[in-house]
Each structure stands twice: as C-alpha cells, then as structure tokens.
Amino acid sequence: MEIIWLDSIGSTQSYLLDHIRNKSISEATLIATSNQTAGMGSRGNSWISQKGNLFFSFAFLKDKLPSDLPLSAASIYFSMLLKEVLESFGSKVWVKWPNDFYLNDAKVGGTITNVSNDFLVCGIGLNLLKRDDEFQSFDVDLDGAVILERFIILLKNTPSWKKVLKNFEIEFERSKKFYTHYKNETFPLKDAILCDDGALMIDNQRIYSLR
C-alpha cells in the first residue's frame, strides 16, 4: 500500500474520492495527516480537527476485500482492525456500533466509509491530543506513523469478516447503553440485535452500518 503523508489537508477522504473520480489512483493508497481542516463526519457533519491528531483515509479495491465482508459492514470491520492495533499499545479503546472509537463513555475518534467505482474508501480520525470539547483525548501516548505501520500490516493479512464479527459480537454489548442515528431518527440500542452482516434489528426495522 502506498502511503502519502501531507502536512495539512482539508479532508483525506475527499482527496481520495476526487482522485478516484479522476482515475488517478489505480492501487491501494493511504493518505495521512496530523492537520485536517475540513474533515468528513457521519450524517454530513464536519470533523473538527486539532493539529497533532491522526487523520487518514485509504482506498481499497473491492475485489481485494475479504470475500465474506458485506460492504455495509466495512466501517465496523476496519474500526475493529484499528482497535486491535491500538490495544497492542495498551489502549482500552472500544468500538461503538457502527463507527465510533470510545474510551469508557467518551468518543475519541470515528470511521467513515464510501464506495466509489471499484474502490472502498475508508477514513479514520483519532484524537491523540488533549481536547477541550465533548471529545476525549487518547489514553496512551502514541505516534501516528507507528500506528499506521502496524495497521497496514494487519490490512495486508485481511482477516475474514467472520473472525472480526465474532470479536465485535462481544464488543457490541457495550453499545447497548447508547443511541444511534439513522435516516434522521434516533434509536436506542438497548434491545438491538446484531445481524451477521453488521446491521441491527430494532423494532422490526433493519438498520445498516455503512456510514
């Protein structure tokens, strides 16, 4: 995977999506920065950044993804892979359905995925520095470049969705004290049932995890 570090960029996700539309990317590519000025968040929200945190996006050819991975579960899949890396450094981070990184009850980052042409584009932001808003900073002192080195090794191994889902089924119990937003509605997760494709069943309604 090609890694491109930029001093500052509006959005690593937008950057990759633009290059895919222009057909100027033909291989798996990762864009990273410590200063993102106009990041993309869930539900059309912006991701307000602070210089020194970690923001990155990567483009993955869909035919290189695990054969059993539903595209709708991509945010869960890649979030869980990064969580595995962060745990190896001693972090207590966990993944709230479907795309948020949490420490205890505070958000420290998030994942967003988009599909464009033959690529799945995944963007991740982590608050490694101290914050003064509703987002919490990270629990261990980490270097973004070192995180990405280990994450890319894990990406090359592409574990199966079945294996990742088994771990997330345990993780999901922690999400049940929270809510999720879907199609302008808010749903409590306390009685939600996690499906094999990463979706949830809530009040007989299927809610998908692609964000």
C-alpha atoms as a PDB file:
ATOM      1  CA  MET A   1       0.000   0.000   0.000  1.00  0.00           C
ATOM      2  CA  GLU A   2       1.325   3.432  -0.946  1.00  0.00           C
ATOM      3  CA  ILE A   3       1.402   5.898   1.986  1.00  0.00           C
ATOM      4  CA  ILE A   4       1.317   9.652   1.385  1.00  0.00           C
ATOM      5  CA  TRP A   5       1.835  11.968   4.377  1.00  0.00           C
ATOM      6  CA  LEU A   6       0.629  15.546   3.956  1.00  0.00           C
ATOM      7  CA  ASP A   7       1.400  18.462   6.305  1.00  0.00           C
ATOM      8  CA  SER A   8      -2.176  19.732   6.065  1.00  0.00           C
ATOM      9  CA  ILE A   9      -5.266  18.916   4.020  1.00  0.00           C
ATOM     10  CA  GLY A  10      -8.949  19.744   4.025  1.00  0.00           C
ATOM     11  CA  SER A  11     -10.108  16.114   4.076  1.00  0.00           C
ATOM     12  CA  THR A  12      -8.154  12.941   3.399  1.00  0.00           C
ATOM     13  CA  GLN A  13     -11.422  11.268   2.406  1.00  0.00           C
ATOM     14  CA  SER A  14     -12.362  13.961  -0.111  1.00  0.00           C
ATOM     15  CA  TYR A  15      -8.833  13.908  -1.505  1.00  0.00           C
ATOM     16  CA  LEU A  16      -9.015  10.206  -2.284  1.00  0.00           C
ATOM     17  CA  LEU A  17     -12.551  10.348  -3.639  1.00  0.00           C
ATOM     18  CA  ASP A  18     -11.561  13.161  -6.017  1.00  0.00           C
ATOM     19  CA  HIS A  19      -8.580  11.171  -7.295  1.00  0.00           C
ATOM     20  CA  ILE A  20     -10.705   8.078  -7.800  1.00  0.00           C
ATOM     21  CA  ARG A  21     -13.252  10.075  -9.812  1.00  0.00           C
ATOM     22  CA  ASN A  22     -10.371  11.460 -11.891  1.00  0.00           C
ATOM     23  CA  LYS A  23      -8.993   7.915 -12.308  1.00  0.00           C
ATOM     24  CA  SER A  24      -5.599   8.983 -10.969  1.00  0.00           C
ATOM     25  CA  ILE A  25      -5.414   6.139  -8.421  1.00  0.00           C
ATOM     26  CA  SER A  26      -5.032   2.565  -9.557  1.00  0.00           C
ATOM     27  CA  GLU A  27      -3.573   0.876  -6.460  1.00  0.00           C
ATOM     28  CA  ALA A  28      -4.339   0.738  -2.753  1.00  0.00           C
ATOM     29  CA  THR A  29      -3.399   4.161  -1.378  1.00  0.00           C
ATOM     30  CA  LEU A  30      -3.361   5.716   2.097  1.00  0.00           C
ATOM     31  CA  ILE A  31      -3.358   9.484   2.751  1.00  0.00           C
ATOM     32  CA  ALA A  32      -2.422  10.640   6.268  1.00  0.00           C
ATOM     33  CA  THR A  33      -2.048  13.966   8.032  1.00  0.00           C
ATOM     34  CA  SER A  34      -1.843  15.461  11.521  1.00  0.00           C
ATOM     35  CA  ASN A  35      -3.767  18.558  10.440  1.00  0.00           C
ATOM     36  CA  GLN A  36      -7.141  18.101   8.732  1.00  0.00           C
ATOM     37  CA  THR A  37      -9.106  21.317   8.314  1.00  0.00           C
ATOM     38  CA  ALA A  38     -12.411  20.155   6.791  1.00  0.00           C
ATOM     39  CA  GLY A  39     -12.870  16.503   7.647  1.00  0.00           C
ATOM     40  CA  MET A  40     -15.966  14.473   6.806  1.00  0.00           C
ATOM     41  CA  GLY A  41     -18.098  13.086   9.629  1.00  0.00           C
ATOM     42  CA  SER A  42     -21.185  10.910   9.775  1.00  0.00           C
ATOM     43  CA  ARG A  43     -24.569  12.172   8.548  1.00  0.00           C
ATOM     44  CA  GLY A  44     -22.963  15.069   6.655  1.00  0.00           C
ATOM     45  CA  ASN A  45     -21.307  16.539   9.747  1.00  0.00           C
ATOM     46  CA  SER A  46     -17.836  18.033   9.640  1.00  0.00           C
ATOM     47  CA  TRP A  47     -14.923  16.599  11.612  1.00  0.00           C
ATOM     48  CA  ILE A  48     -13.287  19.471  13.511  1.00  0.00           C
ATOM     49  CA  SER A  49      -9.622  18.654  13.948  1.00  0.00           C
ATOM     50  CA  GLN A  50      -6.679  19.743  16.024  1.00  0.00           C
ATOM     51  CA  LYS A  51      -3.149  19.730  14.661  1.00  0.00           C
ATOM     52  CA  GLY A  52      -1.232  16.768  16.038  1.00  0.00           C
ATOM     53  CA  ASN A  53      -4.058  14.234  15.948  1.00  0.00           C
ATOM     54  CA  LEU A  54      -4.183  11.427  13.392  1.00  0.00           C
ATOM     55  CA  PHE A  55      -6.377  11.553  10.306  1.00  0.00           C
ATOM     56  CA  PHE A  56      -6.078   9.110   7.429  1.00  0.00           C
ATOM     57  CA  SER A  57      -8.032   7.600   4.573  1.00  0.00           C
ATOM     58  CA  PHE A  58      -7.233   4.674   2.344  1.00  0.00           C
ATOM     59  CA  ALA A  59      -8.626   3.314  -0.889  1.00  0.00           C
ATOM     60  CA  PHE A  60      -9.058  -0.438  -1.123  1.00  0.00           C
ATOM     61  CA  LEU A  61     -10.022  -2.236  -4.316  1.00  0.00           C
ATOM     62  CA  LYS A  62     -13.296  -4.008  -3.600  1.00  0.00           C
ATOM     63  CA  ASP A  63     -12.085  -7.271  -5.097  1.00  0.00           C
ATOM     64  CA  LYS A  64      -9.189  -7.277  -2.601  1.00  0.00           C
ATOM     65  CA  LEU A  65     -11.507  -7.183   0.403  1.00  0.00           C
ATOM     66  CA  PRO A  66     -12.317 -10.406   2.291  1.00  0.00           C
ATOM     67  CA  SER A  67     -14.795 -12.385   0.216  1.00  0.00           C
ATOM     68  CA  ASP A  68     -17.225 -12.678   3.138  1.00  0.00           C
ATOM     69  CA  LEU A  69     -17.234  -8.952   4.039  1.00  0.00           C
ATOM     70  CA  PRO A  70     -20.544  -7.166   3.317  1.00  0.00           C
ATOM     71  CA  LEU A  71     -19.751  -3.628   2.134  1.00  0.00           C
ATOM     72  CA  SER A  72     -22.334  -2.352   4.587  1.00  0.00           C
ATOM     73  CA  ALA A  73     -20.153  -3.668   7.426  1.00  0.00           C
ATOM     74  CA  ALA A  74     -16.920  -2.004   6.247  1.00  0.00           C
ATOM     75  CA  SER A  75     -16.931   0.666   8.977  1.00  0.00           C
ATOM     76  CA  ILE A  76     -17.174  -1.998  11.676  1.00  0.00           C
ATOM     77  CA  TYR A  77     -14.541  -4.163  10.006  1.00  0.00           C
ATOM     78  CA  PHE A  78     -11.854  -1.502   9.666  1.00  0.00           C
ATOM     79  CA  SER A  79     -12.640   0.044  13.053  1.00  0.00           C
ATOM     80  CA  MET A  80     -12.115  -3.326  14.713  1.00  0.00           C
ATOM     81  CA  LEU A  81      -8.818  -3.842  12.898  1.00  0.00           C
ATOM     82  CA  LEU A  82      -7.529  -0.491  14.110  1.00  0.00           C
ATOM     83  CA  LYS A  83      -8.802  -1.251  17.614  1.00  0.00           C
ATOM     84  CA  GLU A  84      -6.669  -4.408  17.581  1.00  0.00           C
ATOM     85  CA  VAL A  85      -3.622  -2.299  16.744  1.00  0.00           C
ATOM     86  CA  LEU A  86      -4.391   0.264  19.453  1.00  0.00           C
ATOM     87  CA  GLU A  87      -4.896  -2.473  22.041  1.00  0.00           C
ATOM     88  CA  SER A  88      -1.427  -3.799  21.229  1.00  0.00           C
ATOM     89  CA  PHE A  89      -0.074  -0.488  22.572  1.00  0.00           C
ATOM     90  CA  GLY A  90      -2.057  -0.826  25.791  1.00  0.00           C
ATOM     91  CA  SER A  91      -5.114   1.255  24.921  1.00  0.00           C
ATOM     92  CA  LYS A  92      -8.536   0.436  26.403  1.00  0.00           C
ATOM     93  CA  VAL A  93     -10.362   1.783  23.352  1.00  0.00           C
ATOM     94  CA  TRP A  94     -13.542   0.057  22.180  1.00  0.00           C
ATOM     95  CA  VAL A  95     -15.785   0.357  19.095  1.00  0.00           C
ATOM     96  CA  LYS A  96     -19.344   1.641  19.453  1.00  0.00           C
ATOM     97  CA  TRP A  97     -21.704   0.489  16.706  1.00  0.00           C
ATOM     98  CA  PRO A  98     -21.132   1.204  13.916  1.00  0.00           C
ATOM     99  CA  ASN A  99     -18.178   3.544  13.542  1.00  0.00           C
ATOM    100  CA  ASP A 100     -17.023   5.329  16.701  1.00  0.00           C
ATOM    101  CA  PHE A 101     -13.983   4.799  18.908  1.00  0.00           C
ATOM    102  CA  TYR A 102     -14.686   5.227  22.618  1.00  0.00           C
ATOM    103  CA  LEU A 103     -12.812   5.285  25.901  1.00  0.00           C
ATOM    104  CA  ASN A 104     -15.306   4.477  28.626  1.00  0.00           C
ATOM    105  CA  ASP A 105     -18.279   6.690  27.652  1.00  0.00           C
ATOM    106  CA  ALA A 106     -16.363   9.348  25.684  1.00  0.00           C
ATOM    107  CA  LYS A 107     -15.732   9.462  21.947  1.00  0.00           C
ATOM    108  CA  VAL A 108     -12.111   9.607  20.798  1.00  0.00           C
ATOM    109  CA  GLY A 109     -12.494   9.037  17.070  1.00  0.00           C
ATOM    110  CA  GLY A 110     -14.555   7.679  14.249  1.00  0.00           C
ATOM    111  CA  THR A 111     -14.652   5.901  10.903  1.00  0.00           C
ATOM    112  CA  ILE A 112     -16.473   6.734   7.684  1.00  0.00           C
ATOM    113  CA  THR A 113     -16.639   4.638   4.509  1.00  0.00           C
ATOM    114  CA  ASN A 114     -17.690   5.414   0.956  1.00  0.00           C
ATOM    115  CA  VAL A 115     -17.856   3.319  -2.193  1.00  0.00           C
ATOM    116  CA  SER A 116     -16.590   4.884  -5.415  1.00  0.00           C
ATOM    117  CA  ASN A 117     -16.130   2.976  -8.684  1.00  0.00           C
ATOM    118  CA  ASP A 118     -14.055  -0.123  -7.897  1.00  0.00           C
ATOM    119  CA  PHE A 119     -12.850   1.205  -4.544  1.00  0.00           C
ATOM    120  CA  LEU A 120     -13.993   1.296  -0.978  1.00  0.00           C
ATOM    121  CA  VAL A 121     -12.649   4.435   0.678  1.00  0.00           C
ATOM    122  CA  CYS A 122     -12.304   4.403   4.468  1.00  0.00           C
ATOM    123  CA  GLY A 123     -11.463   7.479   6.554  1.00  0.00           C
ATOM    124  CA  ILE A 124     -10.477   7.372  10.236  1.00  0.00           C
ATOM    125  CA  GLY A 125      -9.780  10.134  12.741  1.00  0.00           C
ATOM    126  CA  LEU A 126      -8.297   9.697  16.220  1.00  0.00           C
ATOM    127  CA  ASN A 127      -7.932  12.336  18.924  1.00  0.00           C
ATOM    128  CA  LEU A 128      -4.420  11.695  20.163  1.00  0.00           C
ATOM    129  CA  LEU A 129      -4.124  15.100  21.856  1.00  0.00           C
ATOM    130  CA  LYS A 130      -5.976  16.665  24.768  1.00  0.00           C
ATOM    131  CA  ARG A 131      -9.370  18.129  23.768  1.00  0.00           C
ATOM    132  CA  ASP A 132     -11.450  20.882  25.335  1.00  0.00           C
ATOM    133  CA  ASP A 133     -14.840  19.851  23.877  1.00  0.00           C
ATOM    134  CA  GLU A 134     -17.113  16.798  24.048  1.00  0.00           C
ATOM    135  CA  PHE A 135     -14.472  14.553  22.506  1.00  0.00           C
ATOM    136  CA  GLN A 136     -11.940  12.888  24.799  1.00  0.00           C
ATOM    137  CA  SER A 137      -8.252  12.537  24.038  1.00  0.00           C
ATOM    138  CA  PHE A 138      -6.456   9.192  23.875  1.00  0.00           C
ATOM    139  CA  ASP A 139      -5.399   7.093  26.858  1.00  0.00           C
ATOM    140  CA  VAL A 140      -1.854   6.241  25.734  1.00  0.00           C
ATOM    141  CA  ASP A 141       0.880   8.327  24.117  1.00  0.00           C
ATOM    142  CA  LEU A 142       1.123   7.173  20.511  1.00  0.00           C
ATOM    143  CA  ASP A 143       2.834   8.262  17.309  1.00  0.00           C
ATOM    144  CA  GLY A 144       0.584   8.309  14.245  1.00  0.00           C
ATOM    145  CA  ALA A 145       3.231   6.891  11.925  1.00  0.00           C
ATOM    146  CA  VAL A 146       3.790   3.885  14.205  1.00  0.00           C
ATOM    147  CA  ILE A 147       0.041   3.248  14.408  1.00  0.00           C
ATOM    148  CA  LEU A 148      -0.216   3.219  10.619  1.00  0.00           C
ATOM    149  CA  GLU A 149       2.755   0.894  10.211  1.00  0.00           C
ATOM    150  CA  ARG A 150       1.040  -1.795  12.291  1.00  0.00           C
ATOM    151  CA  PHE A 151      -2.369  -1.099  10.805  1.00  0.00           C
ATOM    152  CA  ILE A 152      -1.092  -1.621   7.256  1.00  0.00           C
ATOM    153  CA  ILE A 153       0.464  -4.943   8.244  1.00  0.00           C
ATOM    154  CA  LEU A 154      -2.944  -6.036   9.518  1.00  0.00           C
ATOM    155  CA  LEU A 155      -4.623  -4.786   6.329  1.00  0.00           C
ATOM    156  CA  LYS A 156      -2.298  -6.937   4.241  1.00  0.00           C
ATOM    157  CA  ASN A 157      -3.420 -10.016   6.146  1.00  0.00           C
ATOM    158  CA  THR A 158      -7.122  -9.107   5.574  1.00  0.00           C
ATOM    159  CA  PRO A 159      -8.696 -11.295   8.278  1.00  0.00           C
ATOM    160  CA  SER A 160     -12.117 -12.652   7.448  1.00  0.00           C
ATOM    161  CA  TRP A 161     -15.297 -10.783   8.356  1.00  0.00           C
ATOM    162  CA  LYS A 162     -16.432 -13.877  10.270  1.00  0.00           C
ATOM    163  CA  LYS A 163     -13.427 -13.590  12.580  1.00  0.00           C
ATOM    164  CA  VAL A 164     -13.876  -9.845  13.092  1.00  0.00           C
ATOM    165  CA  LEU A 165     -17.632 -10.200  13.656  1.00  0.00           C
ATOM    166  CA  LYS A 166     -17.044 -12.808  16.372  1.00  0.00           C
ATOM    167  CA  ASN A 167     -14.962 -10.265  18.291  1.00  0.00           C
ATOM    168  CA  PHE A 168     -17.432  -7.462  17.653  1.00  0.00           C
ATOM    169  CA  GLU A 169     -20.362  -9.502  18.958  1.00  0.00           C
ATOM    170  CA  ILE A 170     -18.734  -9.273  22.394  1.00  0.00           C
ATOM    171  CA  GLU A 171     -17.876  -5.605  21.880  1.00  0.00           C
ATOM    172  CA  PHE A 172     -21.419  -4.739  20.840  1.00  0.00           C
ATOM    173  CA  GLU A 173     -22.791  -5.275  24.342  1.00  0.00           C
ATOM    174  CA  ARG A 174     -21.081  -2.026  25.354  1.00  0.00           C
ATOM    175  CA  SER A 175     -23.036  -0.140  22.693  1.00  0.00           C
ATOM    176  CA  LYS A 176     -26.399  -1.010  24.217  1.00  0.00           C
ATOM    177  CA  LYS A 177     -26.356   1.913  26.658  1.00  0.00           C
ATOM    178  CA  PHE A 178     -26.145   4.336  23.722  1.00  0.00           C
ATOM    179  CA  TYR A 179     -28.255   5.537  20.812  1.00  0.00           C
ATOM    180  CA  THR A 180     -27.676   5.567  17.063  1.00  0.00           C
ATOM    181  CA  HIS A 181     -28.940   7.880  14.321  1.00  0.00           C
ATOM    182  CA  TYR A 182     -30.417   6.546  11.099  1.00  0.00           C
ATOM    183  CA  LYS A 183     -32.385   8.405   8.418  1.00  0.00           C
ATOM    184  CA  ASN A 184     -32.969  11.403  10.700  1.00  0.00           C
ATOM    185  CA  GLU A 185     -34.262   9.197  13.512  1.00  0.00           C
ATOM    186  CA  THR A 186     -32.681   8.293  16.847  1.00  0.00           C
ATOM    187  CA  PHE A 187     -32.824   4.676  18.026  1.00  0.00           C
ATOM    188  CA  PRO A 188     -31.867   3.272  21.457  1.00  0.00           C
ATOM    189  CA  LEU A 189     -29.553   0.289  21.176  1.00  0.00           C
ATOM    190  CA  LYS A 190     -30.539  -1.463  24.407  1.00  0.00           C
ATOM    191  CA  ASP A 191     -32.754  -4.036  22.661  1.00  0.00           C
ATOM    192  CA  ALA A 192     -30.968  -4.080  19.293  1.00  0.00           C
ATOM    193  CA  ILE A 193     -29.977  -7.410  17.728  1.00  0.00           C
ATOM    194  CA  LEU A 194     -26.706  -7.558  15.797  1.00  0.00           C
ATOM    195  CA  CYS A 195     -27.044  -9.363  12.442  1.00  0.00           C
ATOM    196  CA  ASP A 196     -24.400 -11.350  10.558  1.00  0.00           C
ATOM    197  CA  ASP A 197     -23.929  -8.531   8.032  1.00  0.00           C
ATOM    198  CA  GLY A 198     -23.287  -5.923  10.757  1.00  0.00           C
ATOM    199  CA  ALA A 199     -26.783  -4.463  10.529  1.00  0.00           C
ATOM    200  CA  LEU A 200     -29.100  -4.120  13.519  1.00  0.00           C
ATOM    201  CA  MET A 201     -32.670  -5.188  14.022  1.00  0.00           C
ATOM    202  CA  ILE A 202     -34.526  -2.581  16.092  1.00  0.00           C
ATOM    203  CA  ASP A 203     -38.323  -2.685  16.413  1.00  0.00           C
ATOM    204  CA  ASN A 204     -38.521  -4.961  13.345  1.00  0.00           C
ATOM    205  CA  GLN A 205     -36.544  -2.423  11.316  1.00  0.00           C
ATOM    206  CA  ARG A 206     -33.181  -3.301   9.789  1.00  0.00           C
ATOM    207  CA  ILE A 207     -30.589  -0.547  10.233  1.00  0.00           C
ATOM    208  CA  TYR A 208     -27.381  -0.781   8.219  1.00  0.00           C
ATOM    209  CA  SER A 209     -23.926   0.184   9.361  1.00  0.00           C
ATOM    210  CA  LEU A 210     -22.438   1.744   6.216  1.00  0.00           C
ATOM    211  CA  ARG A 211     -21.522   5.306   7.205  1.00  0.00           C
END
